[in-house]
Amino acid sequence: MAMAKFTTMELESLRNELMQSGLDRWQSAELVSSFLIGRGYGVSREHAVDAASKIEGMGCNLTCMEQELERIALVM
């Protein structure tokens, strides 16, 4: 079993920021990028925009969110 890259607390914090901040999709993508970069990962701008849209969408729980972030995270 693979070790989780992100804690539940980290994911909840990011989700809350995305859902409550009123950011546009570019700002949300920047927040996702900053989240990943701050944890030692790289990410393409296009993937960050796509992931932010999915995460902000209805029905994306923490498991979905973690999978999406792991999908786009590039090992540096």
PDB file of N, CA and C in Angstrom:
ATOM      1  N   MET A   1       0.842  -1.191   0.000  1.00  0.00           N
ATOM      2  CA  MET A   1       0.000   0.000   0.000  1.00  0.00           C
ATOM      3  C   MET A   1       0.887   1.253   0.000  1.00  0.00           C
ATOM      4  N   ALA A   2       0.595   2.183  -0.869  1.00  0.00           N
ATOM      5  CA  ALA A   2       1.386   3.401  -0.977  1.00  0.00           C
ATOM      6  C   ALA A   2       1.097   4.339   0.191  1.00  0.00           C
ATOM      7  N   MET A   3       2.119   5.048   0.611  1.00  0.00           N
ATOM      8  CA  MET A   3       1.952   6.014   1.689  1.00  0.00           C
ATOM      9  C   MET A   3       1.277   7.270   1.138  1.00  0.00           C
ATOM     10  N   ALA A   4       0.377   7.822   1.896  1.00  0.00           N
ATOM     11  CA  ALA A   4      -0.322   9.037   1.479  1.00  0.00           C
ATOM     12  C   ALA A   4       0.671  10.194   1.408  1.00  0.00           C
ATOM     13  N   LYS A   5       0.533  11.009   0.373  1.00  0.00           N
ATOM     14  CA  LYS A   5       1.418  12.152   0.200  1.00  0.00           C
ATOM     15  C   LYS A   5       0.966  13.349   1.037  1.00  0.00           C
ATOM     16  N   PHE A   6      -0.329  13.412   1.318  1.00  0.00           N
ATOM     17  CA  PHE A   6      -0.899  14.576   1.996  1.00  0.00           C
ATOM     18  C   PHE A   6      -1.724  14.111   3.180  1.00  0.00           C
ATOM     19  N   THR A   7      -1.673  14.892   4.267  1.00  0.00           N
ATOM     20  CA  THR A   7      -2.474  14.547   5.436  1.00  0.00           C
ATOM     21  C   THR A   7      -3.919  15.001   5.226  1.00  0.00           C
ATOM     22  N   THR A   8      -4.797  14.416   5.982  1.00  0.00           N
ATOM     23  CA  THR A   8      -6.206  14.808   5.932  1.00  0.00           C
ATOM     24  C   THR A   8      -6.355  16.281   6.287  1.00  0.00           C
ATOM     25  N   MET A   9      -5.585  16.734   7.264  1.00  0.00           N
ATOM     26  CA  MET A   9      -5.658  18.134   7.682  1.00  0.00           C
ATOM     27  C   MET A   9      -5.236  19.071   6.543  1.00  0.00           C
ATOM     28  N   GLU A  10      -4.181  18.707   5.829  1.00  0.00           N
ATOM     29  CA  GLU A  10      -3.724  19.519   4.696  1.00  0.00           C
ATOM     30  C   GLU A  10      -4.796  19.590   3.612  1.00  0.00           C
ATOM     31  N   LEU A  11      -5.384  18.446   3.309  1.00  0.00           N
ATOM     32  CA  LEU A  11      -6.418  18.394   2.275  1.00  0.00           C
ATOM     33  C   LEU A  11      -7.653  19.196   2.680  1.00  0.00           C
ATOM     34  N   GLU A  12      -8.076  19.057   3.930  1.00  0.00           N
ATOM     35  CA  GLU A  12      -9.236  19.814   4.410  1.00  0.00           C
ATOM     36  C   GLU A  12      -8.981  21.315   4.348  1.00  0.00           C
ATOM     37  N   SER A  13      -7.790  21.719   4.735  1.00  0.00           N
ATOM     38  CA  SER A  13      -7.434  23.131   4.708  1.00  0.00           C
ATOM     39  C   SER A  13      -7.464  23.682   3.279  1.00  0.00           C
ATOM     40  N   LEU A  14      -6.869  22.952   2.347  1.00  0.00           N
ATOM     41  CA  LEU A  14      -6.884  23.389   0.954  1.00  0.00           C
ATOM     42  C   LEU A  14      -8.305  23.446   0.415  1.00  0.00           C
ATOM     43  N   ARG A  15      -9.078  22.425   0.683  1.00  0.00           N
ATOM     44  CA  ARG A  15     -10.469  22.399   0.193  1.00  0.00           C
ATOM     45  C   ARG A  15     -11.260  23.579   0.752  1.00  0.00           C
ATOM     46  N   ASN A  16     -11.106  23.854   2.045  1.00  0.00           N
ATOM     47  CA  ASN A  16     -11.815  24.982   2.655  1.00  0.00           C
ATOM     48  C   ASN A  16     -11.414  26.302   2.007  1.00  0.00           C
ATOM     49  N   GLU A  17     -10.122  26.478   1.756  1.00  0.00           N
ATOM     50  CA  GLU A  17      -9.663  27.703   1.097  1.00  0.00           C
ATOM     51  C   GLU A  17     -10.276  27.837  -0.291  1.00  0.00           C
ATOM     52  N   LEU A  18     -10.296  26.747  -1.032  1.00  0.00           N
ATOM     53  CA  LEU A  18     -10.850  26.785  -2.383  1.00  0.00           C
ATOM     54  C   LEU A  18     -12.353  27.060  -2.385  1.00  0.00           C
ATOM     55  N   MET A  19     -13.060  26.483  -1.433  1.00  0.00           N
ATOM     56  CA  MET A  19     -14.515  26.592  -1.412  1.00  0.00           C
ATOM     57  C   MET A  19     -14.996  27.922  -0.837  1.00  0.00           C
ATOM     58  N   GLN A  20     -14.237  28.529   0.069  1.00  0.00           N
ATOM     59  CA  GLN A  20     -14.707  29.714   0.765  1.00  0.00           C
ATOM     60  C   GLN A  20     -14.072  31.016   0.302  1.00  0.00           C
ATOM     61  N   SER A  21     -13.092  30.930  -0.553  1.00  0.00           N
ATOM     62  CA  SER A  21     -12.322  32.119  -0.882  1.00  0.00           C
ATOM     63  C   SER A  21     -12.916  32.985  -1.982  1.00  0.00           C
ATOM     64  N   GLY A  22     -13.790  32.438  -2.813  1.00  0.00           N
ATOM     65  CA  GLY A  22     -14.355  33.206  -3.915  1.00  0.00           C
ATOM     66  C   GLY A  22     -13.344  33.502  -5.006  1.00  0.00           C
ATOM     67  N   LEU A  23     -12.339  32.647  -5.133  1.00  0.00           N
ATOM     68  CA  LEU A  23     -11.307  32.829  -6.152  1.00  0.00           C
ATOM     69  C   LEU A  23     -11.827  32.447  -7.532  1.00  0.00           C
ATOM     70  N   ASP A  24     -11.272  33.094  -8.561  1.00  0.00           N
ATOM     71  CA  ASP A  24     -11.601  32.649  -9.912  1.00  0.00           C
ATOM     72  C   ASP A  24     -10.760  31.406 -10.217  1.00  0.00           C
ATOM     73  N   ARG A  25     -10.959  30.797 -11.372  1.00  0.00           N
ATOM     74  CA  ARG A  25     -10.297  29.523 -11.647  1.00  0.00           C
ATOM     75  C   ARG A  25      -8.783  29.657 -11.741  1.00  0.00           C
ATOM     76  N   TRP A  26      -8.279  30.802 -12.170  1.00  0.00           N
ATOM     77  CA  TRP A  26      -6.831  31.003 -12.271  1.00  0.00           C
ATOM     78  C   TRP A  26      -6.224  31.150 -10.875  1.00  0.00           C
ATOM     79  N   GLN A  27      -6.916  31.864  -9.999  1.00  0.00           N
ATOM     80  CA  GLN A  27      -6.439  32.012  -8.625  1.00  0.00           C
ATOM     81  C   GLN A  27      -6.505  30.677  -7.882  1.00  0.00           C
ATOM     82  N   SER A  28      -7.561  29.915  -8.150  1.00  0.00           N
ATOM     83  CA  SER A  28      -7.678  28.583  -7.543  1.00  0.00           C
ATOM     84  C   SER A  28      -6.543  27.681  -8.007  1.00  0.00           C
ATOM     85  N   ALA A  29      -6.215  27.756  -9.290  1.00  0.00           N
ATOM     86  CA  ALA A  29      -5.100  26.972  -9.824  1.00  0.00           C
ATOM     87  C   ALA A  29      -3.792  27.376  -9.166  1.00  0.00           C
ATOM     88  N   GLU A  30      -3.621  28.664  -8.918  1.00  0.00           N
ATOM     89  CA  GLU A  30      -2.415  29.146  -8.247  1.00  0.00           C
ATOM     90  C   GLU A  30      -2.344  28.613  -6.819  1.00  0.00           C
ATOM     91  N   LEU A  31      -3.479  28.546  -6.146  1.00  0.00           N
ATOM     92  CA  LEU A  31      -3.528  27.996  -4.799  1.00  0.00           C
ATOM     93  C   LEU A  31      -3.150  26.513  -4.807  1.00  0.00           C
ATOM     94  N   VAL A  32      -3.668  25.764  -5.768  1.00  0.00           N
ATOM     95  CA  VAL A  32      -3.325  24.343  -5.905  1.00  0.00           C
ATOM     96  C   VAL A  32      -1.831  24.204  -6.198  1.00  0.00           C
ATOM     97  N   SER A  33      -1.321  25.028  -7.101  1.00  0.00           N
ATOM     98  CA  SER A  33       0.111  24.995  -7.432  1.00  0.00           C
ATOM     99  C   SER A  33       0.962  25.283  -6.201  1.00  0.00           C
ATOM    100  N   SER A  34       0.596  26.312  -5.456  1.00  0.00           N
ATOM    101  CA  SER A  34       1.340  26.681  -4.250  1.00  0.00           C
ATOM    102  C   SER A  34       1.315  25.556  -3.222  1.00  0.00           C
ATOM    103  N   PHE A  35       0.165  24.907  -3.092  1.00  0.00           N
ATOM    104  CA  PHE A  35       0.025  23.779  -2.171  1.00  0.00           C
ATOM    105  C   PHE A  35       1.029  22.691  -2.533  1.00  0.00           C
ATOM    106  N   LEU A  36       1.085  22.330  -3.809  1.00  0.00           N
ATOM    107  CA  LEU A  36       1.978  21.257  -4.246  1.00  0.00           C
ATOM    108  C   LEU A  36       3.448  21.674  -4.173  1.00  0.00           C
ATOM    109  N   ILE A  37       3.751  22.872  -4.622  1.00  0.00           N
ATOM    110  CA  ILE A  37       5.131  23.359  -4.607  1.00  0.00           C
ATOM    111  C   ILE A  37       5.648  23.439  -3.171  1.00  0.00           C
ATOM    112  N   GLY A  38       4.787  23.861  -2.258  1.00  0.00           N
ATOM    113  CA  GLY A  38       5.165  23.943  -0.849  1.00  0.00           C
ATOM    114  C   GLY A  38       5.464  22.595  -0.227  1.00  0.00           C
ATOM    115  N   ARG A  39       5.080  21.538  -0.889  1.00  0.00           N
ATOM    116  CA  ARG A  39       5.330  20.182  -0.398  1.00  0.00           C
ATOM    117  C   ARG A  39       6.353  19.456  -1.259  1.00  0.00           C
ATOM    118  N   GLY A  40       7.071  20.222  -2.090  1.00  0.00           N
ATOM    119  CA  GLY A  40       8.168  19.649  -2.858  1.00  0.00           C
ATOM    120  C   GLY A  40       7.814  19.058  -4.205  1.00  0.00           C
ATOM    121  N   TYR A  41       6.623  19.341  -4.702  1.00  0.00           N
ATOM    122  CA  TYR A  41       6.191  18.820  -6.002  1.00  0.00           C
ATOM    123  C   TYR A  41       6.125  19.950  -7.021  1.00  0.00           C
ATOM    124  N   GLY A  42       6.218  19.581  -8.272  1.00  0.00           N
ATOM    125  CA  GLY A  42       5.978  20.515  -9.352  1.00  0.00           C
ATOM    126  C   GLY A  42       4.595  20.238  -9.924  1.00  0.00           C
ATOM    127  N   VAL A  43       4.116  21.148 -10.771  1.00  0.00           N
ATOM    128  CA  VAL A  43       2.810  20.962 -11.396  1.00  0.00           C
ATOM    129  C   VAL A  43       2.727  21.878 -12.613  1.00  0.00           C
ATOM    130  N   SER A  44       2.092  21.395 -13.665  1.00  0.00           N
ATOM    131  CA  SER A  44       1.896  22.256 -14.831  1.00  0.00           C
ATOM    132  C   SER A  44       0.689  23.156 -14.582  1.00  0.00           C
ATOM    133  N   ARG A  45       0.709  24.318 -15.176  1.00  0.00           N
ATOM    134  CA  ARG A  45      -0.387  25.289 -15.030  1.00  0.00           C
ATOM    135  C   ARG A  45      -1.714  24.691 -15.497  1.00  0.00           C
ATOM    136  N   GLU A  46      -1.680  24.004 -16.639  1.00  0.00           N
ATOM    137  CA  GLU A  46      -2.907  23.412 -17.191  1.00  0.00           C
ATOM    138  C   GLU A  46      -3.497  22.361 -16.259  1.00  0.00           C
ATOM    139  N   HIS A  47      -2.627  21.525 -15.691  1.00  0.00           N
ATOM    140  CA  HIS A  47      -3.114  20.500 -14.771  1.00  0.00           C
ATOM    141  C   HIS A  47      -3.659  21.114 -13.482  1.00  0.00           C
ATOM    142  N   ALA A  48      -3.037  22.186 -13.033  1.00  0.00           N
ATOM    143  CA  ALA A  48      -3.515  22.863 -11.819  1.00  0.00           C
ATOM    144  C   ALA A  48      -4.904  23.456 -12.041  1.00  0.00           C
ATOM    145  N   VAL A  49      -5.134  24.048 -13.208  1.00  0.00           N
ATOM    146  CA  VAL A  49      -6.455  24.610 -13.530  1.00  0.00           C
ATOM    147  C   VAL A  49      -7.501  23.496 -13.555  1.00  0.00           C
ATOM    148  N   ASP A  50      -7.167  22.398 -14.211  1.00  0.00           N
ATOM    149  CA  ASP A  50      -8.086  21.261 -14.303  1.00  0.00           C
ATOM    150  C   ASP A  50      -8.405  20.688 -12.922  1.00  0.00           C
ATOM    151  N   ALA A  51      -7.375  20.501 -12.116  1.00  0.00           N
ATOM    152  CA  ALA A  51      -7.567  19.940 -10.775  1.00  0.00           C
ATOM    153  C   ALA A  51      -8.385  20.868  -9.888  1.00  0.00           C
ATOM    154  N   ALA A  52      -8.105  22.165  -9.948  1.00  0.00           N
ATOM    155  CA  ALA A  52      -8.854  23.125  -9.135  1.00  0.00           C
ATOM    156  C   ALA A  52     -10.333  23.094  -9.495  1.00  0.00           C
ATOM    157  N   SER A  53     -10.630  22.992 -10.777  1.00  0.00           N
ATOM    158  CA  SER A  53     -12.033  22.919 -11.219  1.00  0.00           C
ATOM    159  C   SER A  53     -12.709  21.672 -10.678  1.00  0.00           C
ATOM    160  N   LYS A  54     -12.016  20.545 -10.733  1.00  0.00           N
ATOM    161  CA  LYS A  54     -12.583  19.292 -10.225  1.00  0.00           C
ATOM    162  C   LYS A  54     -12.775  19.333  -8.718  1.00  0.00           C
ATOM    163  N   ILE A  55     -11.775  19.870  -8.010  1.00  0.00           N
ATOM    164  CA  ILE A  55     -11.842  19.929  -6.553  1.00  0.00           C
ATOM    165  C   ILE A  55     -12.981  20.838  -6.098  1.00  0.00           C
ATOM    166  N   GLU A  56     -13.160  21.959  -6.784  1.00  0.00           N
ATOM    167  CA  GLU A  56     -14.225  22.898  -6.423  1.00  0.00           C
ATOM    168  C   GLU A  56     -15.595  22.371  -6.827  1.00  0.00           C
ATOM    169  N   GLY A  57     -15.626  21.437  -7.756  1.00  0.00           N
ATOM    170  CA  GLY A  57     -16.890  20.885  -8.224  1.00  0.00           C
ATOM    171  C   GLY A  57     -17.603  20.115  -7.132  1.00  0.00           C
ATOM    172  N   MET A  58     -18.872  20.006  -7.284  1.00  0.00           N
ATOM    173  CA  MET A  58     -19.671  19.285  -6.294  1.00  0.00           C
ATOM    174  C   MET A  58     -19.298  17.808  -6.290  1.00  0.00           C
ATOM    175  N   GLY A  59     -19.258  17.240  -5.125  1.00  0.00           N
ATOM    176  CA  GLY A  59     -19.053  15.808  -4.979  1.00  0.00           C
ATOM    177  C   GLY A  59     -17.596  15.372  -4.925  1.00  0.00           C
ATOM    178  N   CYS A  60     -16.665  16.295  -4.914  1.00  0.00           N
ATOM    179  CA  CYS A  60     -15.257  15.907  -4.814  1.00  0.00           C
ATOM    180  C   CYS A  60     -14.870  15.865  -3.338  1.00  0.00           C
ATOM    181  N   ASN A  61     -14.938  14.663  -2.771  1.00  0.00           N
ATOM    182  CA  ASN A  61     -14.589  14.495  -1.356  1.00  0.00           C
ATOM    183  C   ASN A  61     -13.069  14.478  -1.195  1.00  0.00           C
ATOM    184  N   LEU A  62     -12.584  14.283   0.017  1.00  0.00           N
ATOM    185  CA  LEU A  62     -11.151  14.319   0.269  1.00  0.00           C
ATOM    186  C   LEU A  62     -10.393  13.222  -0.472  1.00  0.00           C
ATOM    187  N   THR A  63     -11.006  12.062  -0.629  1.00  0.00           N
ATOM    188  CA  THR A  63     -10.370  10.975  -1.366  1.00  0.00           C
ATOM    189  C   THR A  63     -10.203  11.354  -2.829  1.00  0.00           C
ATOM    190  N   CYS A  64     -11.245  11.897  -3.414  1.00  0.00           N
ATOM    191  CA  CYS A  64     -11.201  12.377  -4.795  1.00  0.00           C
ATOM    192  C   CYS A  64     -10.153  13.466  -4.933  1.00  0.00           C
ATOM    193  N   MET A  65     -10.126  14.366  -3.994  1.00  0.00           N
ATOM    194  CA  MET A  65      -9.191  15.485  -4.008  1.00  0.00           C
ATOM    195  C   MET A  65      -7.749  14.980  -3.938  1.00  0.00           C
ATOM    196  N   GLU A  66      -7.488  14.043  -3.041  1.00  0.00           N
ATOM    197  CA  GLU A  66      -6.148  13.484  -2.904  1.00  0.00           C
ATOM    198  C   GLU A  66      -5.720  12.791  -4.198  1.00  0.00           C
ATOM    199  N   GLN A  67      -6.617  12.029  -4.794  1.00  0.00           N
ATOM    200  CA  GLN A  67      -6.300  11.351  -6.051  1.00  0.00           C
ATOM    201  C   GLN A  67      -5.981  12.356  -7.153  1.00  0.00           C
ATOM    202  N   GLU A  68      -6.734  13.424  -7.202  1.00  0.00           N
ATOM    203  CA  GLU A  68      -6.510  14.448  -8.213  1.00  0.00           C
ATOM    204  C   GLU A  68      -5.154  15.127  -8.000  1.00  0.00           C
ATOM    205  N   LEU A  69      -4.815  15.467  -6.773  1.00  0.00           N
ATOM    206  CA  LEU A  69      -3.543  16.106  -6.489  1.00  0.00           C
ATOM    207  C   LEU A  69      -2.376  15.147  -6.779  1.00  0.00           C
ATOM    208  N   GLU A  70      -2.524  13.884  -6.410  1.00  0.00           N
ATOM    209  CA  GLU A  70      -1.480  12.914  -6.686  1.00  0.00           C
ATOM    210  C   GLU A  70      -1.310  12.686  -8.190  1.00  0.00           C
ATOM    211  N   ARG A  71      -2.391  12.811  -8.932  1.00  0.00           N
ATOM    212  CA  ARG A  71      -2.347  12.631 -10.390  1.00  0.00           C
ATOM    213  C   ARG A  71      -1.506  13.721 -11.046  1.00  0.00           C
ATOM    214  N   ILE A  72      -1.606  14.946 -10.536  1.00  0.00           N
ATOM    215  CA  ILE A  72      -0.928  16.055 -11.199  1.00  0.00           C
ATOM    216  C   ILE A  72       0.427  16.413 -10.597  1.00  0.00           C
ATOM    217  N   ALA A  73       0.716  15.893  -9.394  1.00  0.00           N
ATOM    218  CA  ALA A  73       1.969  16.225  -8.707  1.00  0.00           C
ATOM    219  C   ALA A  73       3.160  15.615  -9.456  1.00  0.00           C
ATOM    220  N   LEU A  74       4.132  16.456  -9.759  1.00  0.00           N
ATOM    221  CA  LEU A  74       5.346  16.001 -10.427  1.00  0.00           C
ATOM    222  C   LEU A  74       6.471  15.940  -9.413  1.00  0.00           C
ATOM    223  N   VAL A  75       7.144  14.803  -9.342  1.00  0.00           N
ATOM    224  CA  VAL A  75       8.252  14.651  -8.420  1.00  0.00           C
ATOM    225  C   VAL A  75       9.409  15.504  -8.906  1.00  0.00           C
ATOM    226  N   MET A  76       9.956  16.288  -8.001  1.00  0.00           N
ATOM    227  CA  MET A  76      11.069  17.189  -8.357  1.00  0.00           C
ATOM    228  C   MET A  76      12.383  16.594  -7.925  1.00  0.00           C
TER     229      MET A  76
END
